[in-house]
């Protein structure tokens, strides 16, 4: 375990469950993904512990109660795979869900949470989604039961109708019966960074779809107030995405024309990163009055 201690007596403690190994670029530029996530989601006086889930490292059962929240990272692995570390991570998610601990999953983490809680995940029918995509956000006031972390943003006028996010994925989660949880309600939207080949096919029983896009039916979902999955990468910066595009191209996962199209897009547009970071912080620290200001 690696720890980032912000104070002798931390006000809060979070665990980052890394489902990927640090790339050479991120190690050199940021010192590892732990520092990327802490810079994105962390706050003054907090402590963040890194567990390399991809290498089988997880918090001990007796230590779970000491954490205020958990974040599961993205990964090049398939969330529907049966590697032992993936199965152990699924079991941990179920335990945290039973404890009503806050769990935030991004990309692979979003998909793994869905699988662990009874949903279905699989390869995206539309193929790789890499770049910046605008997603539509459900109107929490009209469509959904009260949601503290969304309401905190809405009351401050910080819940947009649409927002852009960074995506990098080729698997997917789909709404149950391929029907959004808010079929008659106008969506709101915000842009973020995406990069994925898998998606959620079917959300778990009792889950609510909070956002969707023209390519991915479940961009964000929640289970109660304590579980949140986001298909995109709120934590990614432009340079991290460009480095990943180079790696995907070198591995033959995407074509030269595909990579060039992503680069052109990133010159023309950017994700609404500030919104996504505020949303994630609002979720992880919903009872703190200052997190969304």
C-alpha atoms as a PDB file:
ATOM      1  CA  UNK A   1       0.000   0.000   0.000  1.00  0.00           C
ATOM      2  CA  UNK A   2       1.186   3.532  -0.821  1.00  0.00           C
ATOM      3  CA  UNK A   3      -0.226   6.467   1.127  1.00  0.00           C
ATOM      4  CA  UNK A   4      -0.531  10.216   0.606  1.00  0.00           C
ATOM      5  CA  UNK A   5      -0.934  11.826   4.025  1.00  0.00           C
ATOM      6  CA  UNK A   6      -2.119  15.435   3.889  1.00  0.00           C
ATOM      7  CA  UNK A   7      -2.201  15.924   7.675  1.00  0.00           C
ATOM      8  CA  UNK A   8      -1.007  14.257  10.851  1.00  0.00           C
ATOM      9  CA  UNK A   9      -4.638  13.557  11.711  1.00  0.00           C
ATOM     10  CA  UNK A  10      -6.542  13.336   8.404  1.00  0.00           C
ATOM     11  CA  UNK A  11     -10.091  14.674   8.313  1.00  0.00           C
ATOM     12  CA  UNK A  12     -11.015  11.888   5.867  1.00  0.00           C
ATOM     13  CA  UNK A  13      -9.406   8.797   4.400  1.00  0.00           C
ATOM     14  CA  UNK A  14     -10.002   7.388   0.934  1.00  0.00           C
ATOM     15  CA  UNK A  15      -8.727   4.299  -0.852  1.00  0.00           C
ATOM     16  CA  UNK A  16      -7.784   4.220  -4.530  1.00  0.00           C
ATOM     17  CA  UNK A  17      -8.144   0.713  -5.948  1.00  0.00           C
ATOM     18  CA  UNK A  18      -5.915   0.733  -9.035  1.00  0.00           C
ATOM     19  CA  UNK A  19      -6.963  -1.700 -11.746  1.00  0.00           C
ATOM     20  CA  UNK A  20      -4.080  -0.712 -14.029  1.00  0.00           C
ATOM     21  CA  UNK A  21      -0.350  -0.246 -13.754  1.00  0.00           C
ATOM     22  CA  UNK A  22       1.200   3.187 -14.075  1.00  0.00           C
ATOM     23  CA  UNK A  23       2.280   4.045 -17.596  1.00  0.00           C
ATOM     24  CA  UNK A  24       5.826   5.307 -18.146  1.00  0.00           C
ATOM     25  CA  UNK A  25       4.387   8.687 -19.131  1.00  0.00           C
ATOM     26  CA  UNK A  26       2.246   9.096 -15.992  1.00  0.00           C
ATOM     27  CA  UNK A  27       5.105   7.947 -13.753  1.00  0.00           C
ATOM     28  CA  UNK A  28       7.480  10.485 -15.277  1.00  0.00           C
ATOM     29  CA  UNK A  29       5.026  13.401 -15.465  1.00  0.00           C
ATOM     30  CA  UNK A  30       2.903  12.884 -12.325  1.00  0.00           C
ATOM     31  CA  UNK A  31       4.673  10.289 -10.213  1.00  0.00           C
ATOM     32  CA  UNK A  32       1.909   7.739 -10.806  1.00  0.00           C
ATOM     33  CA  UNK A  33      -1.868   7.613 -11.062  1.00  0.00           C
ATOM     34  CA  UNK A  34      -2.293   8.011  -7.311  1.00  0.00           C
ATOM     35  CA  UNK A  35      -1.184  11.634  -7.656  1.00  0.00           C
ATOM     36  CA  UNK A  36      -3.462  12.134 -10.682  1.00  0.00           C
ATOM     37  CA  UNK A  37      -6.493  10.976  -8.687  1.00  0.00           C
ATOM     38  CA  UNK A  38      -5.559  12.919  -5.552  1.00  0.00           C
ATOM     39  CA  UNK A  39      -5.104  16.089  -7.599  1.00  0.00           C
ATOM     40  CA  UNK A  40      -8.527  15.485  -9.189  1.00  0.00           C
ATOM     41  CA  UNK A  41     -10.631  14.317  -6.242  1.00  0.00           C
ATOM     42  CA  UNK A  42      -8.602  15.068  -3.119  1.00  0.00           C
ATOM     43  CA  UNK A  43      -8.889  17.916  -0.652  1.00  0.00           C
ATOM     44  CA  UNK A  44      -7.010  19.589   2.169  1.00  0.00           C
ATOM     45  CA  UNK A  45      -6.465  17.478   5.250  1.00  0.00           C
ATOM     46  CA  UNK A  46      -7.333  14.161   3.565  1.00  0.00           C
ATOM     47  CA  UNK A  47      -5.361  10.934   3.355  1.00  0.00           C
ATOM     48  CA  UNK A  48      -5.388   8.717   0.258  1.00  0.00           C
ATOM     49  CA  UNK A  49      -4.129   5.131   0.239  1.00  0.00           C
ATOM     50  CA  UNK A  50      -3.237   3.288  -2.964  1.00  0.00           C
ATOM     51  CA  UNK A  51      -4.003  -0.418  -3.338  1.00  0.00           C
ATOM     52  CA  UNK A  52      -2.802  -2.090  -6.524  1.00  0.00           C
ATOM     53  CA  UNK A  53      -5.864  -4.243  -7.104  1.00  0.00           C
ATOM     54  CA  UNK A  54      -4.486  -5.384 -10.470  1.00  0.00           C
ATOM     55  CA  UNK A  55      -1.677  -7.069  -8.533  1.00  0.00           C
ATOM     56  CA  UNK A  56      -4.033  -8.601  -5.972  1.00  0.00           C
ATOM     57  CA  UNK A  57      -3.551  -5.922  -3.300  1.00  0.00           C
ATOM     58  CA  UNK A  58      -6.781  -4.932  -1.498  1.00  0.00           C
ATOM     59  CA  UNK A  59      -7.602  -3.440   1.919  1.00  0.00           C
ATOM     60  CA  UNK A  60      -7.903  -5.968   4.738  1.00  0.00           C
ATOM     61  CA  UNK A  61     -11.512  -6.629   5.803  1.00  0.00           C
ATOM     62  CA  UNK A  62     -10.818  -5.096   9.186  1.00  0.00           C
ATOM     63  CA  UNK A  63      -9.616  -1.852   7.612  1.00  0.00           C
ATOM     64  CA  UNK A  64     -12.665  -1.126   5.443  1.00  0.00           C
ATOM     65  CA  UNK A  65     -14.500   0.769   8.156  1.00  0.00           C
ATOM     66  CA  UNK A  66     -11.645   3.279   8.431  1.00  0.00           C
ATOM     67  CA  UNK A  67     -12.314   4.649   4.940  1.00  0.00           C
ATOM     68  CA  UNK A  68     -14.814   7.318   4.008  1.00  0.00           C
ATOM     69  CA  UNK A  69     -14.859   6.266   0.373  1.00  0.00           C
ATOM     70  CA  UNK A  70     -13.289   4.138  -2.340  1.00  0.00           C
ATOM     71  CA  UNK A  71     -12.395   4.920  -5.958  1.00  0.00           C
ATOM     72  CA  UNK A  72     -11.907   2.180  -8.570  1.00  0.00           C
ATOM     73  CA  UNK A  73      -9.796   3.219 -11.540  1.00  0.00           C
ATOM     74  CA  UNK A  74      -9.913   2.435 -15.224  1.00  0.00           C
ATOM     75  CA  UNK A  75      -8.026  -0.524 -16.675  1.00  0.00           C
ATOM     76  CA  UNK A  76      -6.973  -2.128 -19.974  1.00  0.00           C
ATOM     77  CA  UNK A  77      -8.577  -5.335 -18.678  1.00  0.00           C
ATOM     78  CA  UNK A  78     -12.179  -6.434 -19.302  1.00  0.00           C
ATOM     79  CA  UNK A  79     -14.533  -5.967 -16.356  1.00  0.00           C
ATOM     80  CA  UNK A  80     -16.320  -9.174 -17.378  1.00  0.00           C
ATOM     81  CA  UNK A  81     -13.091 -11.190 -17.209  1.00  0.00           C
ATOM     82  CA  UNK A  82     -12.571 -13.978 -14.695  1.00  0.00           C
ATOM     83  CA  UNK A  83      -9.033 -13.193 -13.557  1.00  0.00           C
ATOM     84  CA  UNK A  84      -8.740 -13.859  -9.838  1.00  0.00           C
ATOM     85  CA  UNK A  85      -7.990 -10.222  -9.008  1.00  0.00           C
ATOM     86  CA  UNK A  86     -11.125  -9.091 -10.872  1.00  0.00           C
ATOM     87  CA  UNK A  87     -13.291 -11.617  -9.023  1.00  0.00           C
ATOM     88  CA  UNK A  88     -11.787 -10.536  -5.686  1.00  0.00           C
ATOM     89  CA  UNK A  89     -12.460  -6.891  -6.548  1.00  0.00           C
ATOM     90  CA  UNK A  90     -16.085  -7.760  -7.380  1.00  0.00           C
ATOM     91  CA  UNK A  91     -16.417  -9.459  -3.993  1.00  0.00           C
ATOM     92  CA  UNK A  92     -14.992  -6.370  -2.282  1.00  0.00           C
ATOM     93  CA  UNK A  93     -17.500  -4.124  -4.069  1.00  0.00           C
ATOM     94  CA  UNK A  94     -20.359  -6.303  -2.819  1.00  0.00           C
ATOM     95  CA  UNK A  95     -18.994  -6.071   0.713  1.00  0.00           C
ATOM     96  CA  UNK A  96     -18.665  -2.285   0.498  1.00  0.00           C
ATOM     97  CA  UNK A  97     -22.193  -2.060  -0.923  1.00  0.00           C
ATOM     98  CA  UNK A  98     -23.501  -4.050   2.046  1.00  0.00           C
ATOM     99  CA  UNK A  99     -21.653  -1.645   4.365  1.00  0.00           C
ATOM    100  CA  UNK A 100     -23.115   1.351   2.481  1.00  0.00           C
ATOM    101  CA  UNK A 101     -19.621   2.678   1.886  1.00  0.00           C
ATOM    102  CA  UNK A 102     -19.225   5.228  -0.887  1.00  0.00           C
ATOM    103  CA  UNK A 103     -17.744   3.684  -4.009  1.00  0.00           C
ATOM    104  CA  UNK A 104     -16.927   5.650  -7.162  1.00  0.00           C
ATOM    105  CA  UNK A 105     -15.962   3.740 -10.310  1.00  0.00           C
ATOM    106  CA  UNK A 106     -14.558   5.283 -13.495  1.00  0.00           C
ATOM    107  CA  UNK A 107     -14.534   3.447 -16.836  1.00  0.00           C
ATOM    108  CA  UNK A 108     -13.454  -0.112 -15.876  1.00  0.00           C
ATOM    109  CA  UNK A 109     -14.484   0.710 -12.294  1.00  0.00           C
ATOM    110  CA  UNK A 110     -17.941   1.776 -13.497  1.00  0.00           C
ATOM    111  CA  UNK A 111     -18.311  -1.496 -15.394  1.00  0.00           C
ATOM    112  CA  UNK A 112     -16.940  -3.652 -12.568  1.00  0.00           C
ATOM    113  CA  UNK A 113     -19.347  -2.147 -10.029  1.00  0.00           C
ATOM    114  CA  UNK A 114     -22.211  -2.915 -12.398  1.00  0.00           C
ATOM    115  CA  UNK A 115     -21.092  -6.525 -12.767  1.00  0.00           C
ATOM    116  CA  UNK A 116     -20.461  -6.993  -9.039  1.00  0.00           C
ATOM    117  CA  UNK A 117     -23.985  -5.801  -8.159  1.00  0.00           C
ATOM    118  CA  UNK A 118     -25.773  -8.001 -10.688  1.00  0.00           C
ATOM    119  CA  UNK A 119     -25.709  -5.974 -13.909  1.00  0.00           C
ATOM    120  CA  UNK A 120     -24.284  -7.021 -17.267  1.00  0.00           C
ATOM    121  CA  UNK A 121     -21.183  -5.694 -19.018  1.00  0.00           C
ATOM    122  CA  UNK A 122     -19.874  -6.452 -22.498  1.00  0.00           C
ATOM    123  CA  UNK A 123     -18.070  -5.266 -25.603  1.00  0.00           C
ATOM    124  CA  UNK A 124     -19.509  -2.047 -27.029  1.00  0.00           C
ATOM    125  CA  UNK A 125     -21.465  -2.645 -30.205  1.00  0.00           C
ATOM    126  CA  UNK A 126     -20.174   0.602 -31.696  1.00  0.00           C
ATOM    127  CA  UNK A 127     -16.517  -0.253 -31.020  1.00  0.00           C
ATOM    128  CA  UNK A 128     -13.859   1.963 -29.440  1.00  0.00           C
ATOM    129  CA  UNK A 129     -14.924   5.305 -28.008  1.00  0.00           C
ATOM    130  CA  UNK A 130     -11.882   7.554 -27.566  1.00  0.00           C
ATOM    131  CA  UNK A 131     -11.934  11.313 -27.209  1.00  0.00           C
ATOM    132  CA  UNK A 132     -14.318  13.933 -25.868  1.00  0.00           C
ATOM    133  CA  UNK A 133     -18.032  13.151 -25.938  1.00  0.00           C
ATOM    134  CA  UNK A 134     -21.012  15.199 -24.818  1.00  0.00           C
ATOM    135  CA  UNK A 135     -23.346  13.355 -22.472  1.00  0.00           C
ATOM    136  CA  UNK A 136     -26.882  14.192 -21.398  1.00  0.00           C
ATOM    137  CA  UNK A 137     -27.532  14.389 -17.668  1.00  0.00           C
ATOM    138  CA  UNK A 138     -30.891  13.495 -16.170  1.00  0.00           C
ATOM    139  CA  UNK A 139     -32.811  16.332 -14.602  1.00  0.00           C
ATOM    140  CA  UNK A 140     -32.488  15.251 -10.977  1.00  0.00           C
ATOM    141  CA  UNK A 141     -35.332  17.484  -9.856  1.00  0.00           C
ATOM    142  CA  UNK A 142     -37.918  16.114 -12.293  1.00  0.00           C
ATOM    143  CA  UNK A 143     -36.848  12.578 -13.048  1.00  0.00           C
ATOM    144  CA  UNK A 144     -35.220  11.041 -10.002  1.00  0.00           C
ATOM    145  CA  UNK A 145     -35.752  10.632  -6.278  1.00  0.00           C
ATOM    146  CA  UNK A 146     -33.797  13.088  -4.100  1.00  0.00           C
ATOM    147  CA  UNK A 147     -30.068  12.675  -4.668  1.00  0.00           C
ATOM    148  CA  UNK A 148     -27.918  14.579  -2.208  1.00  0.00           C
ATOM    149  CA  UNK A 149     -24.735  14.813  -4.254  1.00  0.00           C
ATOM    150  CA  UNK A 150     -26.584  15.932  -7.410  1.00  0.00           C
ATOM    151  CA  UNK A 151     -28.942  18.220  -5.517  1.00  0.00           C
ATOM    152  CA  UNK A 152     -25.937  19.979  -3.951  1.00  0.00           C
ATOM    153  CA  UNK A 153     -24.726  20.873  -7.443  1.00  0.00           C
ATOM    154  CA  UNK A 154     -28.172  21.773  -8.777  1.00  0.00           C
ATOM    155  CA  UNK A 155     -28.930  24.099  -5.869  1.00  0.00           C
ATOM    156  CA  UNK A 156     -25.704  25.995  -6.611  1.00  0.00           C
ATOM    157  CA  UNK A 157     -26.529  26.182 -10.308  1.00  0.00           C
ATOM    158  CA  UNK A 158     -23.671  23.817 -11.160  1.00  0.00           C
ATOM    159  CA  UNK A 159     -25.642  20.934 -12.708  1.00  0.00           C
ATOM    160  CA  UNK A 160     -25.637  21.541 -16.491  1.00  0.00           C
ATOM    161  CA  UNK A 161     -28.042  20.045 -18.990  1.00  0.00           C
ATOM    162  CA  UNK A 162     -25.139  18.653 -21.039  1.00  0.00           C
ATOM    163  CA  UNK A 163     -21.440  18.171 -20.299  1.00  0.00           C
ATOM    164  CA  UNK A 164     -18.399  16.852 -22.165  1.00  0.00           C
ATOM    165  CA  UNK A 165     -16.243  14.072 -20.735  1.00  0.00           C
ATOM    166  CA  UNK A 166     -13.124  12.148 -21.790  1.00  0.00           C
ATOM    167  CA  UNK A 167     -13.856   8.595 -22.949  1.00  0.00           C
ATOM    168  CA  UNK A 168     -11.539   5.641 -23.631  1.00  0.00           C
ATOM    169  CA  UNK A 169     -13.449   2.342 -23.776  1.00  0.00           C
ATOM    170  CA  UNK A 170     -14.704  -0.498 -25.963  1.00  0.00           C
ATOM    171  CA  UNK A 171     -16.926  -2.299 -23.430  1.00  0.00           C
ATOM    172  CA  UNK A 172     -20.258  -0.977 -22.195  1.00  0.00           C
ATOM    173  CA  UNK A 173     -23.085  -0.951 -19.654  1.00  0.00           C
ATOM    174  CA  UNK A 174     -26.614  -0.674 -21.016  1.00  0.00           C
ATOM    175  CA  UNK A 175     -29.756   0.400 -19.231  1.00  0.00           C
ATOM    176  CA  UNK A 176     -31.941  -2.494 -18.068  1.00  0.00           C
ATOM    177  CA  UNK A 177     -33.998  -3.658 -21.075  1.00  0.00           C
ATOM    178  CA  UNK A 178     -32.062  -0.992 -23.049  1.00  0.00           C
ATOM    179  CA  UNK A 179     -34.458   1.623 -21.640  1.00  0.00           C
ATOM    180  CA  UNK A 180     -33.213   4.687 -19.726  1.00  0.00           C
ATOM    181  CA  UNK A 181     -34.486   5.181 -16.200  1.00  0.00           C
ATOM    182  CA  UNK A 182     -35.819   8.578 -17.290  1.00  0.00           C
ATOM    183  CA  UNK A 183     -37.558   7.836 -20.624  1.00  0.00           C
ATOM    184  CA  UNK A 184     -39.950  10.797 -20.608  1.00  0.00           C
ATOM    185  CA  UNK A 185     -37.627  13.335 -19.072  1.00  0.00           C
ATOM    186  CA  UNK A 186     -35.402  15.781 -20.984  1.00  0.00           C
ATOM    187  CA  UNK A 187     -31.706  15.132 -20.432  1.00  0.00           C
ATOM    188  CA  UNK A 188     -29.043  17.558 -19.382  1.00  0.00           C
ATOM    189  CA  UNK A 189     -25.456  17.284 -20.767  1.00  0.00           C
ATOM    190  CA  UNK A 190     -21.735  17.901 -19.921  1.00  0.00           C
ATOM    191  CA  UNK A 191     -18.536  16.988 -21.813  1.00  0.00           C
ATOM    192  CA  UNK A 192     -15.804  14.684 -20.403  1.00  0.00           C
ATOM    193  CA  UNK A 193     -12.876  12.515 -21.671  1.00  0.00           C
ATOM    194  CA  UNK A 194     -13.685   8.962 -22.859  1.00  0.00           C
ATOM    195  CA  UNK A 195     -11.596   5.910 -23.749  1.00  0.00           C
ATOM    196  CA  UNK A 196     -13.259   2.512 -23.558  1.00  0.00           C
ATOM    197  CA  UNK A 197     -14.153  -0.584 -25.573  1.00  0.00           C
ATOM    198  CA  UNK A 198     -16.521  -2.169 -23.081  1.00  0.00           C
ATOM    199  CA  UNK A 199     -19.755  -0.814 -21.666  1.00  0.00           C
ATOM    200  CA  UNK A 200     -22.488  -1.655 -19.167  1.00  0.00           C
ATOM    201  CA  UNK A 201     -25.135  -3.754 -20.945  1.00  0.00           C
ATOM    202  CA  UNK A 202     -27.632  -3.798 -18.085  1.00  0.00           C
ATOM    203  CA  UNK A 203     -27.509  -1.848 -14.847  1.00  0.00           C
ATOM    204  CA  UNK A 204     -28.041  -3.666 -11.533  1.00  0.00           C
ATOM    205  CA  UNK A 205     -31.523  -4.022 -10.069  1.00  0.00           C
ATOM    206  CA  UNK A 206     -32.431  -0.785  -8.296  1.00  0.00           C
ATOM    207  CA  UNK A 207     -29.824   1.305 -10.123  1.00  0.00           C
ATOM    208  CA  UNK A 208     -30.761   4.611 -11.734  1.00  0.00           C
ATOM    209  CA  UNK A 209     -29.240   5.844 -14.980  1.00  0.00           C
ATOM    210  CA  UNK A 210     -28.080   9.439 -14.530  1.00  0.00           C
ATOM    211  CA  UNK A 211     -26.523  10.175 -17.925  1.00  0.00           C
ATOM    212  CA  UNK A 212     -26.322   8.817 -21.461  1.00  0.00           C
ATOM    213  CA  UNK A 213     -24.870   9.774 -24.838  1.00  0.00           C
ATOM    214  CA  UNK A 214     -25.535   9.067 -28.492  1.00  0.00           C
ATOM    215  CA  UNK A 215     -22.985   6.230 -28.363  1.00  0.00           C
ATOM    216  CA  UNK A 216     -23.252   4.884 -24.824  1.00  0.00           C
ATOM    217  CA  UNK A 217     -26.593   4.268 -23.126  1.00  0.00           C
ATOM    218  CA  UNK A 218     -25.223   4.302 -19.576  1.00  0.00           C
ATOM    219  CA  UNK A 219     -22.653   7.045 -19.129  1.00  0.00           C
ATOM    220  CA  UNK A 220     -23.393   7.330 -15.412  1.00  0.00           C
ATOM    221  CA  UNK A 221     -25.492   5.431 -12.888  1.00  0.00           C
ATOM    222  CA  UNK A 222     -25.998   5.328  -9.168  1.00  0.00           C
ATOM    223  CA  UNK A 223     -27.238   2.906  -6.555  1.00  0.00           C
ATOM    224  CA  UNK A 224     -28.672   4.882  -3.665  1.00  0.00           C
ATOM    225  CA  UNK A 225     -26.404   7.628  -2.354  1.00  0.00           C
ATOM    226  CA  UNK A 226     -23.352   5.421  -1.935  1.00  0.00           C
ATOM    227  CA  UNK A 227     -22.486   3.934  -5.374  1.00  0.00           C
ATOM    228  CA  UNK A 228     -21.659   5.963  -8.479  1.00  0.00           C
ATOM    229  CA  UNK A 229     -20.337   4.729 -11.812  1.00  0.00           C
ATOM    230  CA  UNK A 230     -19.019   7.018 -14.575  1.00  0.00           C
ATOM    231  CA  UNK A 231     -18.048   5.557 -17.948  1.00  0.00           C
ATOM    232  CA  UNK A 232     -15.706   8.429 -18.816  1.00  0.00           C
ATOM    233  CA  UNK A 233     -12.499   9.604 -17.169  1.00  0.00           C
ATOM    234  CA  UNK A 234     -13.059  12.759 -15.076  1.00  0.00           C
ATOM    235  CA  UNK A 235      -9.466  12.491 -13.810  1.00  0.00           C
ATOM    236  CA  UNK A 236      -7.783  12.541 -17.231  1.00  0.00           C
ATOM    237  CA  UNK A 237      -5.924  15.600 -18.464  1.00  0.00           C
ATOM    238  CA  UNK A 238      -5.420  16.325 -22.161  1.00  0.00           C
ATOM    239  CA  UNK A 239      -1.796  15.184 -22.105  1.00  0.00           C
ATOM    240  CA  UNK A 240      -2.684  11.868 -20.440  1.00  0.00           C
ATOM    241  CA  UNK A 241      -5.281  11.175 -23.129  1.00  0.00           C
ATOM    242  CA  UNK A 242      -2.844  12.046 -25.933  1.00  0.00           C
ATOM    243  CA  UNK A 243      -0.264   9.706 -24.396  1.00  0.00           C
ATOM    244  CA  UNK A 244      -2.881   6.951 -24.253  1.00  0.00           C
ATOM    245  CA  UNK A 245      -3.816   7.534 -27.904  1.00  0.00           C
ATOM    246  CA  UNK A 246      -0.149   7.068 -28.811  1.00  0.00           C
ATOM    247  CA  UNK A 247      -0.046   3.804 -26.845  1.00  0.00           C
ATOM    248  CA  UNK A 248      -3.243   2.476 -28.449  1.00  0.00           C
ATOM    249  CA  UNK A 249      -1.863   3.325 -31.886  1.00  0.00           C
ATOM    250  CA  UNK A 250       1.479   1.658 -31.170  1.00  0.00           C
ATOM    251  CA  UNK A 251      -0.345  -1.467 -29.976  1.00  0.00           C
ATOM    252  CA  UNK A 252      -2.454  -1.603 -33.132  1.00  0.00           C
ATOM    253  CA  UNK A 253      -5.697  -1.114 -31.189  1.00  0.00           C
ATOM    254  CA  UNK A 254      -6.669   1.939 -33.262  1.00  0.00           C
ATOM    255  CA  UNK A 255      -5.746   3.117 -36.763  1.00  0.00           C
ATOM    256  CA  UNK A 256      -3.632   6.105 -37.742  1.00  0.00           C
ATOM    257  CA  UNK A 257      -6.709   7.903 -39.112  1.00  0.00           C
ATOM    258  CA  UNK A 258      -8.615   7.234 -35.878  1.00  0.00           C
ATOM    259  CA  UNK A 259      -5.734   8.624 -33.793  1.00  0.00           C
ATOM    260  CA  UNK A 260      -5.448  11.706 -36.003  1.00  0.00           C
ATOM    261  CA  UNK A 261      -9.194  12.346 -35.688  1.00  0.00           C
ATOM    262  CA  UNK A 262      -8.911  12.238 -31.876  1.00  0.00           C
ATOM    263  CA  UNK A 263      -5.984  14.643 -31.920  1.00  0.00           C
ATOM    264  CA  UNK A 264      -7.889  17.063 -34.159  1.00  0.00           C
ATOM    265  CA  UNK A 265     -10.894  16.873 -31.858  1.00  0.00           C
ATOM    266  CA  UNK A 266      -8.749  17.695 -28.823  1.00  0.00           C
ATOM    267  CA  UNK A 267      -7.462  20.795 -30.586  1.00  0.00           C
ATOM    268  CA  UNK A 268     -11.029  21.950 -31.202  1.00  0.00           C
ATOM    269  CA  UNK A 269     -12.772  21.047 -27.942  1.00  0.00           C
ATOM    270  CA  UNK A 270     -12.158  20.127 -24.313  1.00  0.00           C
ATOM    271  CA  UNK A 271     -14.041  18.246 -21.601  1.00  0.00           C
ATOM    272  CA  UNK A 272     -15.999  20.039 -18.904  1.00  0.00           C
ATOM    273  CA  UNK A 273     -13.463  18.754 -16.425  1.00  0.00           C
ATOM    274  CA  UNK A 274     -14.258  21.245 -13.664  1.00  0.00           C
ATOM    275  CA  UNK A 275     -17.885  20.088 -13.585  1.00  0.00           C
ATOM    276  CA  UNK A 276     -16.967  16.380 -13.453  1.00  0.00           C
ATOM    277  CA  UNK A 277     -14.446  16.914 -10.680  1.00  0.00           C
ATOM    278  CA  UNK A 278     -17.021  18.850  -8.650  1.00  0.00           C
ATOM    279  CA  UNK A 279     -19.565  16.093  -9.219  1.00  0.00           C
ATOM    280  CA  UNK A 280     -17.147  13.391  -8.025  1.00  0.00           C
ATOM    281  CA  UNK A 281     -16.167  15.422  -4.981  1.00  0.00           C
ATOM    282  CA  UNK A 282     -19.821  16.124  -4.226  1.00  0.00           C
ATOM    283  CA  UNK A 283     -20.477  12.385  -4.309  1.00  0.00           C
ATOM    284  CA  UNK A 284     -17.488  11.397  -2.176  1.00  0.00           C
ATOM    285  CA  UNK A 285     -18.058  14.195   0.353  1.00  0.00           C
ATOM    286  CA  UNK A 286     -21.769  14.956   0.081  1.00  0.00           C
ATOM    287  CA  UNK A 287     -22.129  15.975   3.717  1.00  0.00           C
ATOM    288  CA  UNK A 288     -19.432  18.639   3.454  1.00  0.00           C
ATOM    289  CA  UNK A 289     -21.039  22.004   2.761  1.00  0.00           C
ATOM    290  CA  UNK A 290     -17.982  23.432   1.034  1.00  0.00           C
ATOM    291  CA  UNK A 291     -17.104  20.740  -1.554  1.00  0.00           C
ATOM    292  CA  UNK A 292     -19.144  22.196  -4.417  1.00  0.00           C
ATOM    293  CA  UNK A 293     -18.303  25.863  -3.939  1.00  0.00           C
END
